Full PDB file with SEQRES, HELIX, SHEET, SSBOND, CRYST1, ORIGX, SCALE, CONECT and MASTER records, all heavy atoms in Angstrom:
SEQRES   1 A   31  SER VAL LEU LEU GLY ALA ALA ILE ALA PRO LEU THR TRP          
SEQRES   2 A   31  LEU VAL ALA ARG GLU ALA THR GLY ARG MET THR LEU PRO          
SEQRES   3 A   31  ALA GLY ARG ARG THR                                          
HELIX    1 AA1 VAL A    2  GLY A    5  1                                   4    
HELIX    2 AA2 ILE A    8  GLY A   21  1                                  14    
HELIX    3 AA3 ALA A   27  ARG A   30  1                                   4    
CRYST1    1.000    1.000    1.000  90.00  90.00  90.00 P 1           1          
ORIGX1      1.000000  0.000000  0.000000        0.00000                         
ORIGX2      0.000000  1.000000  0.000000        0.00000                         
ORIGX3      0.000000  0.000000  1.000000        0.00000                         
SCALE1      1.000000  0.000000  0.000000        0.00000                         
SCALE2      0.000000  1.000000  0.000000        0.00000                         
SCALE3      0.000000  0.000000  1.000000        0.00000                         
ATOM      1  N   SER A   1    -173.963 -47.723 117.014  1.00  0.00           N  
ATOM      2  CA  SER A   1    -174.773 -47.412 115.815  1.00  0.00           C  
ATOM      3  C   SER A   1    -175.941 -46.424 116.196  1.00  0.00           C  
ATOM      4  O   SER A   1    -176.162 -45.560 115.314  1.00  0.00           O  
ATOM      5  CB  SER A   1    -175.277 -48.720 115.177  1.00  0.00           C  
ATOM      6  OG  SER A   1    -176.002 -48.384 114.023  1.00  0.00           O  
ATOM      7  N   VAL A   2    -176.500 -46.612 117.327  1.00  0.00           N  
ATOM      8  CA  VAL A   2    -177.513 -45.676 117.703  1.00  0.00           C  
ATOM      9  C   VAL A   2    -177.139 -44.308 117.927  1.00  0.00           C  
ATOM     10  O   VAL A   2    -177.715 -43.318 117.433  1.00  0.00           O  
ATOM     11  CB  VAL A   2    -178.234 -46.223 119.017  1.00  0.00           C  
ATOM     12  CG1 VAL A   2    -179.106 -45.093 119.621  1.00  0.00           C  
ATOM     13  CG2 VAL A   2    -179.166 -47.365 118.751  1.00  0.00           C  
ATOM     14  N   LEU A   3    -175.971 -44.082 118.615  1.00  0.00           N  
ATOM     15  CA  LEU A   3    -175.385 -42.780 118.889  1.00  0.00           C  
ATOM     16  C   LEU A   3    -174.979 -42.113 117.630  1.00  0.00           C  
ATOM     17  O   LEU A   3    -175.214 -40.897 117.518  1.00  0.00           O  
ATOM     18  CB  LEU A   3    -174.351 -42.907 120.017  1.00  0.00           C  
ATOM     19  CG  LEU A   3    -174.706 -43.317 121.364  1.00  0.00           C  
ATOM     20  CD1 LEU A   3    -173.508 -43.431 122.208  1.00  0.00           C  
ATOM     21  CD2 LEU A   3    -175.727 -42.359 121.924  1.00  0.00           C  
ATOM     22  N   LEU A   4    -174.317 -42.772 116.893  1.00  0.00           N  
ATOM     23  CA  LEU A   4    -173.858 -42.191 115.556  1.00  0.00           C  
ATOM     24  C   LEU A   4    -174.924 -41.922 114.654  1.00  0.00           C  
ATOM     25  O   LEU A   4    -175.121 -40.883 114.052  1.00  0.00           O  
ATOM     26  CB  LEU A   4    -172.727 -43.150 114.853  1.00  0.00           C  
ATOM     27  CG  LEU A   4    -172.212 -42.560 113.513  1.00  0.00           C  
ATOM     28  CD1 LEU A   4    -171.362 -41.306 113.779  1.00  0.00           C  
ATOM     29  CD2 LEU A   4    -171.263 -43.685 112.927  1.00  0.00           C  
ATOM     30  N   GLY A   5    -175.880 -42.901 114.517  1.00  0.00           N  
ATOM     31  CA  GLY A   5    -177.076 -42.757 113.577  1.00  0.00           C  
ATOM     32  C   GLY A   5    -177.834 -41.620 114.003  1.00  0.00           C  
ATOM     33  O   GLY A   5    -178.565 -41.041 113.135  1.00  0.00           O  
ATOM     34  N   ALA A   6    -177.986 -41.318 115.270  1.00  0.00           N  
ATOM     35  CA  ALA A   6    -178.872 -40.087 115.671  1.00  0.00           C  
ATOM     36  C   ALA A   6    -178.433 -38.750 115.143  1.00  0.00           C  
ATOM     37  O   ALA A   6    -179.316 -37.936 114.998  1.00  0.00           O  
ATOM     38  CB  ALA A   6    -178.998 -40.142 117.231  1.00  0.00           C  
ATOM     39  N   ALA A   7    -177.214 -38.770 114.747  1.00  0.00           N  
ATOM     40  CA  ALA A   7    -176.721 -37.449 114.313  1.00  0.00           C  
ATOM     41  C   ALA A   7    -177.241 -37.054 113.001  1.00  0.00           C  
ATOM     42  O   ALA A   7    -177.262 -35.868 112.561  1.00  0.00           O  
ATOM     43  CB  ALA A   7    -175.093 -37.511 114.069  1.00  0.00           C  
ATOM     44  N   ILE A   8    -178.030 -37.889 112.320  1.00  0.00           N  
ATOM     45  CA  ILE A   8    -178.551 -37.614 111.023  1.00  0.00           C  
ATOM     46  C   ILE A   8    -179.757 -36.742 111.140  1.00  0.00           C  
ATOM     47  O   ILE A   8    -179.940 -35.843 110.254  1.00  0.00           O  
ATOM     48  CB  ILE A   8    -179.094 -38.952 110.222  1.00  0.00           C  
ATOM     49  CG1 ILE A   8    -179.291 -38.586 108.799  1.00  0.00           C  
ATOM     50  CG2 ILE A   8    -180.253 -39.394 110.870  1.00  0.00           C  
ATOM     51  CD1 ILE A   8    -178.049 -38.122 108.030  1.00  0.00           C  
ATOM     52  N   ALA A   9    -180.296 -36.594 112.298  1.00  0.00           N  
ATOM     53  CA  ALA A   9    -181.422 -35.655 112.509  1.00  0.00           C  
ATOM     54  C   ALA A   9    -180.940 -34.257 112.426  1.00  0.00           C  
ATOM     55  O   ALA A   9    -181.505 -33.396 111.713  1.00  0.00           O  
ATOM     56  CB  ALA A   9    -182.283 -35.953 113.709  1.00  0.00           C  
ATOM     57  N   PRO A  10    -179.996 -33.787 113.277  1.00  0.00           N  
ATOM     58  CA  PRO A  10    -179.485 -32.432 113.239  1.00  0.00           C  
ATOM     59  C   PRO A  10    -178.823 -32.052 111.821  1.00  0.00           C  
ATOM     60  O   PRO A  10    -178.784 -31.007 111.375  1.00  0.00           O  
ATOM     61  CB  PRO A  10    -178.554 -32.327 114.475  1.00  0.00           C  
ATOM     62  CG  PRO A  10    -178.278 -33.696 114.798  1.00  0.00           C  
ATOM     63  CD  PRO A  10    -179.361 -34.466 114.360  1.00  0.00           C  
ATOM     64  N   LEU A  11    -178.150 -33.139 111.227  1.00  0.00           N  
ATOM     65  CA  LEU A  11    -177.558 -32.857 109.990  1.00  0.00           C  
ATOM     66  C   LEU A  11    -178.482 -32.562 108.871  1.00  0.00           C  
ATOM     67  O   LEU A  11    -178.221 -31.713 107.994  1.00  0.00           O  
ATOM     68  CB  LEU A  11    -176.599 -34.108 109.571  1.00  0.00           C  
ATOM     69  CG  LEU A  11    -175.313 -34.320 110.360  1.00  0.00           C  
ATOM     70  CD1 LEU A  11    -174.654 -35.681 109.849  1.00  0.00           C  
ATOM     71  CD2 LEU A  11    -174.340 -33.160 110.152  1.00  0.00           C  
ATOM     72  N   THR A  12    -179.591 -33.196 108.867  1.00  0.00           N  
ATOM     73  CA  THR A  12    -180.667 -33.077 107.854  1.00  0.00           C  
ATOM     74  C   THR A  12    -181.232 -31.643 108.133  1.00  0.00           C  
ATOM     75  O   THR A  12    -181.513 -30.902 107.122  1.00  0.00           O  
ATOM     76  CB  THR A  12    -181.687 -34.047 108.028  1.00  0.00           C  
ATOM     77  OG1 THR A  12    -181.096 -35.401 107.860  1.00  0.00           O  
ATOM     78  CG2 THR A  12    -182.802 -34.061 106.931  1.00  0.00           C  
ATOM     79  N   TRP A  13    -181.420 -31.311 109.371  1.00  0.00           N  
ATOM     80  CA  TRP A  13    -181.996 -29.967 109.771  1.00  0.00           C  
ATOM     81  C   TRP A  13    -181.002 -28.884 109.163  1.00  0.00           C  
ATOM     82  O   TRP A  13    -181.519 -27.917 108.738  1.00  0.00           O  
ATOM     83  CB  TRP A  13    -182.008 -29.895 111.314  1.00  0.00           C  
ATOM     84  CG  TRP A  13    -182.320 -28.411 111.780  1.00  0.00           C  
ATOM     85  CD1 TRP A  13    -183.426 -27.647 111.750  1.00  0.00           C  
ATOM     86  CD2 TRP A  13    -181.200 -27.571 112.350  1.00  0.00           C  
ATOM     87  NE1 TRP A  13    -183.201 -26.440 112.352  1.00  0.00           N  
ATOM     88  CE2 TRP A  13    -181.888 -26.382 112.673  1.00  0.00           C  
ATOM     89  CE3 TRP A  13    -179.906 -27.707 112.507  1.00  0.00           C  
ATOM     90  CZ2 TRP A  13    -181.221 -25.355 113.146  1.00  0.00           C  
ATOM     91  CZ3 TRP A  13    -179.191 -26.621 113.108  1.00  0.00           C  
ATOM     92  CH2 TRP A  13    -179.742 -25.434 113.392  1.00  0.00           C  
ATOM     93  N   LEU A  14    -179.735 -29.117 109.237  1.00  0.00           N  
ATOM     94  CA  LEU A  14    -178.727 -28.141 108.746  1.00  0.00           C  
ATOM     95  C   LEU A  14    -178.857 -28.089 107.251  1.00  0.00           C  
ATOM     96  O   LEU A  14    -178.766 -26.917 106.731  1.00  0.00           O  
ATOM     97  CB  LEU A  14    -177.250 -28.611 109.215  1.00  0.00           C  
ATOM     98  CG  LEU A  14    -176.167 -27.674 109.017  1.00  0.00           C  
ATOM     99  CD1 LEU A  14    -176.456 -26.396 109.846  1.00  0.00           C  
ATOM    100  CD2 LEU A  14    -174.871 -28.282 109.374  1.00  0.00           C  
ATOM    101  N   VAL A  15    -179.015 -29.123 106.577  1.00  0.00           N  
ATOM    102  CA  VAL A  15    -179.152 -29.214 105.072  1.00  0.00           C  
ATOM    103  C   VAL A  15    -180.434 -28.340 104.702  1.00  0.00           C  
ATOM    104  O   VAL A  15    -180.332 -27.587 103.788  1.00  0.00           O  
ATOM    105  CB  VAL A  15    -179.107 -30.617 104.491  1.00  0.00           C  
ATOM    106  CG1 VAL A  15    -179.458 -30.554 103.056  1.00  0.00           C  
ATOM    107  CG2 VAL A  15    -177.954 -31.289 104.726  1.00  0.00           C  
ATOM    108  N   ALA A  16    -181.534 -28.643 105.352  1.00  0.00           N  
ATOM    109  CA  ALA A  16    -182.793 -27.985 105.128  1.00  0.00           C  
ATOM    110  C   ALA A  16    -182.730 -26.443 105.355  1.00  0.00           C  
ATOM    111  O   ALA A  16    -183.179 -25.638 104.676  1.00  0.00           O  
ATOM    112  CB  ALA A  16    -183.881 -28.597 105.824  1.00  0.00           C  
ATOM    113  N   ARG A  17    -181.973 -26.176 106.439  1.00  0.00           N  
ATOM    114  CA  ARG A  17    -181.952 -24.665 106.860  1.00  0.00           C  
ATOM    115  C   ARG A  17    -181.204 -23.967 105.887  1.00  0.00           C  
ATOM    116  O   ARG A  17    -181.564 -22.874 105.466  1.00  0.00           O  
ATOM    117  CB  ARG A  17    -181.278 -24.604 108.250  1.00  0.00           C  
ATOM    118  CG  ARG A  17    -181.413 -23.194 108.833  1.00  0.00           C  
ATOM    119  CD  ARG A  17    -180.794 -23.104 110.242  1.00  0.00           C  
ATOM    120  NE  ARG A  17    -179.367 -23.182 110.236  1.00  0.00           N  
ATOM    121  CZ  ARG A  17    -178.534 -22.740 111.097  1.00  0.00           C  
ATOM    122  NH1 ARG A  17    -179.231 -22.250 112.278  1.00  0.00           N  
ATOM    123  NH2 ARG A  17    -177.255 -22.832 111.079  1.00  0.00           N  
ATOM    124  N   GLU A  18    -180.081 -24.500 105.331  1.00  0.00           N  
ATOM    125  CA  GLU A  18    -179.350 -23.845 104.221  1.00  0.00           C  
ATOM    126  C   GLU A  18    -180.121 -23.644 102.903  1.00  0.00           C  
ATOM    127  O   GLU A  18    -180.107 -22.722 102.339  1.00  0.00           O  
ATOM    128  CB  GLU A  18    -177.994 -24.637 104.043  1.00  0.00           C  
ATOM    129  CG  GLU A  18    -177.176 -23.831 102.894  1.00  0.00           C  
ATOM    130  CD  GLU A  18    -176.050 -24.773 102.437  1.00  0.00           C  
ATOM    131  OE1 GLU A  18    -176.271 -25.992 102.281  1.00  0.00           O  
ATOM    132  OE2 GLU A  18    -175.096 -24.219 101.857  1.00  0.00           O  
ATOM    133  N   ALA A  19    -180.859 -24.828 102.775  1.00  0.00           N  
ATOM    134  CA  ALA A  19    -181.738 -24.857 101.444  1.00  0.00           C  
ATOM    135  C   ALA A  19    -182.742 -23.801 101.558  1.00  0.00           C  
ATOM    136  O   ALA A  19    -183.022 -23.031 100.564  1.00  0.00           O  
ATOM    137  CB  ALA A  19    -182.255 -26.256 101.281  1.00  0.00           C  
ATOM    138  N   THR A  20    -183.504 -23.693 102.663  1.00  0.00           N  
ATOM    139  CA  THR A  20    -184.513 -22.635 102.799  1.00  0.00           C  
ATOM    140  C   THR A  20    -183.912 -21.223 102.677  1.00  0.00           C  
ATOM    141  O   THR A  20    -184.621 -20.282 102.368  1.00  0.00           O  
ATOM    142  CB  THR A  20    -185.438 -22.939 103.999  1.00  0.00           C  
ATOM    143  OG1 THR A  20    -184.512 -22.833 105.178  1.00  0.00           O  
ATOM    144  CG2 THR A  20    -186.118 -24.202 103.967  1.00  0.00           C  
ATOM    145  N   GLY A  21    -182.671 -20.977 103.262  1.00  0.00           N  
ATOM    146  CA  GLY A  21    -182.157 -19.740 103.294  1.00  0.00           C  
ATOM    147  C   GLY A  21    -181.818 -19.134 101.928  1.00  0.00           C  
ATOM    148  O   GLY A  21    -181.665 -17.942 101.735  1.00  0.00           O  
ATOM    149  N   ARG A  22    -181.818 -20.131 100.893  1.00  0.00           N  
ATOM    150  CA  ARG A  22    -181.584 -19.553  99.578  1.00  0.00           C  
ATOM    151  C   ARG A  22    -182.950 -19.249  98.845  1.00  0.00           C  
ATOM    152  O   ARG A  22    -182.962 -18.837  97.543  1.00  0.00           O  
ATOM    153  CB  ARG A  22    -180.936 -20.655  98.707  1.00  0.00           C  
ATOM    154  CG  ARG A  22    -179.598 -21.034  99.266  1.00  0.00           C  
ATOM    155  CD  ARG A  22    -178.610 -19.787  99.241  1.00  0.00           C  
ATOM    156  NE  ARG A  22    -177.372 -20.106  99.704  1.00  0.00           N  
ATOM    157  CZ  ARG A  22    -176.313 -20.513  99.002  1.00  0.00           C  
ATOM    158  NH1 ARG A  22    -176.327 -20.486  97.624  1.00  0.00           N  
ATOM    159  NH2 ARG A  22    -175.077 -20.760  99.485  1.00  0.00           N  
ATOM    160  N   MET A  23    -184.015 -19.416  99.586  1.00  0.00           N  
ATOM    161  CA  MET A  23    -185.403 -19.366  98.979  1.00  0.00           C  
ATOM    162  C   MET A  23    -186.129 -18.008  99.591  1.00  0.00           C  
ATOM    163  O   MET A  23    -185.859 -17.881 100.852  1.00  0.00           O  
ATOM    164  CB  MET A  23    -186.231 -20.446  99.092  1.00  0.00           C  
ATOM    165  CG  MET A  23    -185.560 -21.740  98.414  1.00  0.00           C  
ATOM    166  SD  MET A  23    -186.474 -23.212  98.777  1.00  0.00           S  
ATOM    167  CE  MET A  23    -187.906 -22.917  97.592  1.00  0.00           C  
ATOM    168  N   THR A  24    -187.015 -17.338  98.919  1.00  0.00           N  
ATOM    169  CA  THR A  24    -187.643 -16.238  99.466  1.00  0.00           C  
ATOM    170  C   THR A  24    -188.903 -16.796 100.175  1.00  0.00           C  
ATOM    171  O   THR A  24    -189.951 -16.526  99.823  1.00  0.00           O  
ATOM    172  CB  THR A  24    -188.074 -15.235  98.422  1.00  0.00           C  
ATOM    173  OG1 THR A  24    -188.807 -15.972  97.400  1.00  0.00           O  
ATOM    174  CG2 THR A  24    -186.868 -14.669  97.693  1.00  0.00           C  
ATOM    175  N   LEU A  25    -188.766 -17.446 101.407  1.00  0.00           N  
ATOM    176  CA  LEU A  25    -189.819 -17.920 102.191  1.00  0.00           C  
ATOM    177  C   LEU A  25    -189.903 -17.184 103.487  1.00  0.00           C  
ATOM    178  O   LEU A  25    -188.916 -16.627 103.998  1.00  0.00           O  
ATOM    179  CB  LEU A  25    -189.618 -19.459 102.466  1.00  0.00           C  
ATOM    180  CG  LEU A  25    -189.497 -20.407 101.393  1.00  0.00           C  
ATOM    181  CD1 LEU A  25    -189.184 -21.797 101.968  1.00  0.00           C  
ATOM    182  CD2 LEU A  25    -190.798 -20.372 100.612  1.00  0.00           C  
ATOM    183  N   PRO A  26    -191.151 -16.872 103.921  1.00  0.00           N  
ATOM    184  CA  PRO A  26    -191.205 -16.360 105.270  1.00  0.00           C  
ATOM    185  C   PRO A  26    -190.531 -17.123 106.347  1.00  0.00           C  
ATOM    186  O   PRO A  26    -190.369 -18.368 106.208  1.00  0.00           O  
ATOM    187  CB  PRO A  26    -192.823 -16.357 105.577  1.00  0.00           C  
ATOM    188  CG  PRO A  26    -193.410 -16.457 104.198  1.00  0.00           C  
ATOM    189  CD  PRO A  26    -192.426 -17.347 103.356  1.00  0.00           C  
ATOM    190  N   ALA A  27    -190.196 -16.552 107.475  1.00  0.00           N  
ATOM    191  CA  ALA A  27    -189.536 -17.117 108.495  1.00  0.00           C  
ATOM    192  C   ALA A  27    -190.097 -18.401 109.036  1.00  0.00           C  
ATOM    193  O   ALA A  27    -189.437 -19.404 109.271  1.00  0.00           O  
ATOM    194  CB  ALA A  27    -189.198 -16.140 109.569  1.00  0.00           C  
ATOM    195  N   GLY A  28    -191.478 -18.260 109.143  1.00  0.00           N  
ATOM    196  CA  GLY A  28    -192.236 -19.359 109.791  1.00  0.00           C  
ATOM    197  C   GLY A  28    -192.030 -20.604 108.921  1.00  0.00           C  
ATOM    198  O   GLY A  28    -191.981 -21.756 109.438  1.00  0.00           O  
ATOM    199  N   ARG A  29    -192.224 -20.430 107.557  1.00  0.00           N  
ATOM    200  CA  ARG A  29    -192.121 -21.539 106.771  1.00  0.00           C  
ATOM    201  C   ARG A  29    -190.637 -22.127 106.585  1.00  0.00           C  
ATOM    202  O   ARG A  29    -190.582 -23.335 106.527  1.00  0.00           O  
ATOM    203  CB  ARG A  29    -192.688 -21.207 105.383  1.00  0.00           C  
ATOM    204  CG  ARG A  29    -194.146 -20.834 105.205  1.00  0.00           C  
ATOM    205  CD  ARG A  29    -194.557 -20.326 103.857  1.00  0.00           C  
ATOM    206  NE  ARG A  29    -194.144 -21.180 102.775  1.00  0.00           N  
ATOM    207  CZ  ARG A  29    -194.226 -20.956 101.626  1.00  0.00           C  
ATOM    208  NH1 ARG A  29    -194.664 -19.572 101.148  1.00  0.00           N  
ATOM    209  NH2 ARG A  29    -193.899 -21.708 100.502  1.00  0.00           N  
ATOM    210  N   ARG A  30    -189.708 -21.281 106.661  1.00  0.00           N  
ATOM    211  CA  ARG A  30    -188.301 -21.737 106.684  1.00  0.00           C  
ATOM    212  C   ARG A  30    -188.134 -22.678 107.993  1.00  0.00           C  
ATOM    213  O   ARG A  30    -187.534 -23.820 107.875  1.00  0.00           O  
ATOM    214  CB  ARG A  30    -187.267 -20.603 106.690  1.00  0.00           C  
ATOM    215  CG  ARG A  30    -187.347 -19.862 105.421  1.00  0.00           C  
ATOM    216  CD  ARG A  30    -185.961 -19.081 105.288  1.00  0.00           C  
ATOM    217  NE  ARG A  30    -185.875 -18.203 106.454  1.00  0.00           N  
ATOM    218  CZ  ARG A  30    -186.184 -16.857 106.398  1.00  0.00           C  
ATOM    219  NH1 ARG A  30    -186.806 -16.335 105.337  1.00  0.00           N  
ATOM    220  NH2 ARG A  30    -186.016 -16.099 107.487  1.00  0.00           N  
ATOM    221  N   THR A  31    -188.579 -22.289 109.101  1.00  0.00           N  
ATOM    222  CA  THR A  31    -188.360 -22.978 110.344  1.00  0.00           C  
ATOM    223  C   THR A  31    -189.218 -24.307 110.231  1.00  0.00           C  
ATOM    224  O   THR A  31    -188.709 -25.357 110.578  1.00  0.00           O  
ATOM    225  CB  THR A  31    -188.990 -22.223 111.442  1.00  0.00           C  
ATOM    226  OG1 THR A  31    -188.116 -21.037 111.612  1.00  0.00           O  
ATOM    227  CG2 THR A  31    -188.793 -22.953 112.702  1.00  0.00           C  
TER     228      THR A  31                                                      
MASTER        0    0    0    3    0    0    0    6  227    1    0    3          
END                                                                             
């Protein structure tokens, strides 16, 4: 459960990175 559950952190990062890519935000704020 620990190993599988830890995958949620990079998955959430991926969701957020795509979301910020659709917005006109400076690179620092997107990161």
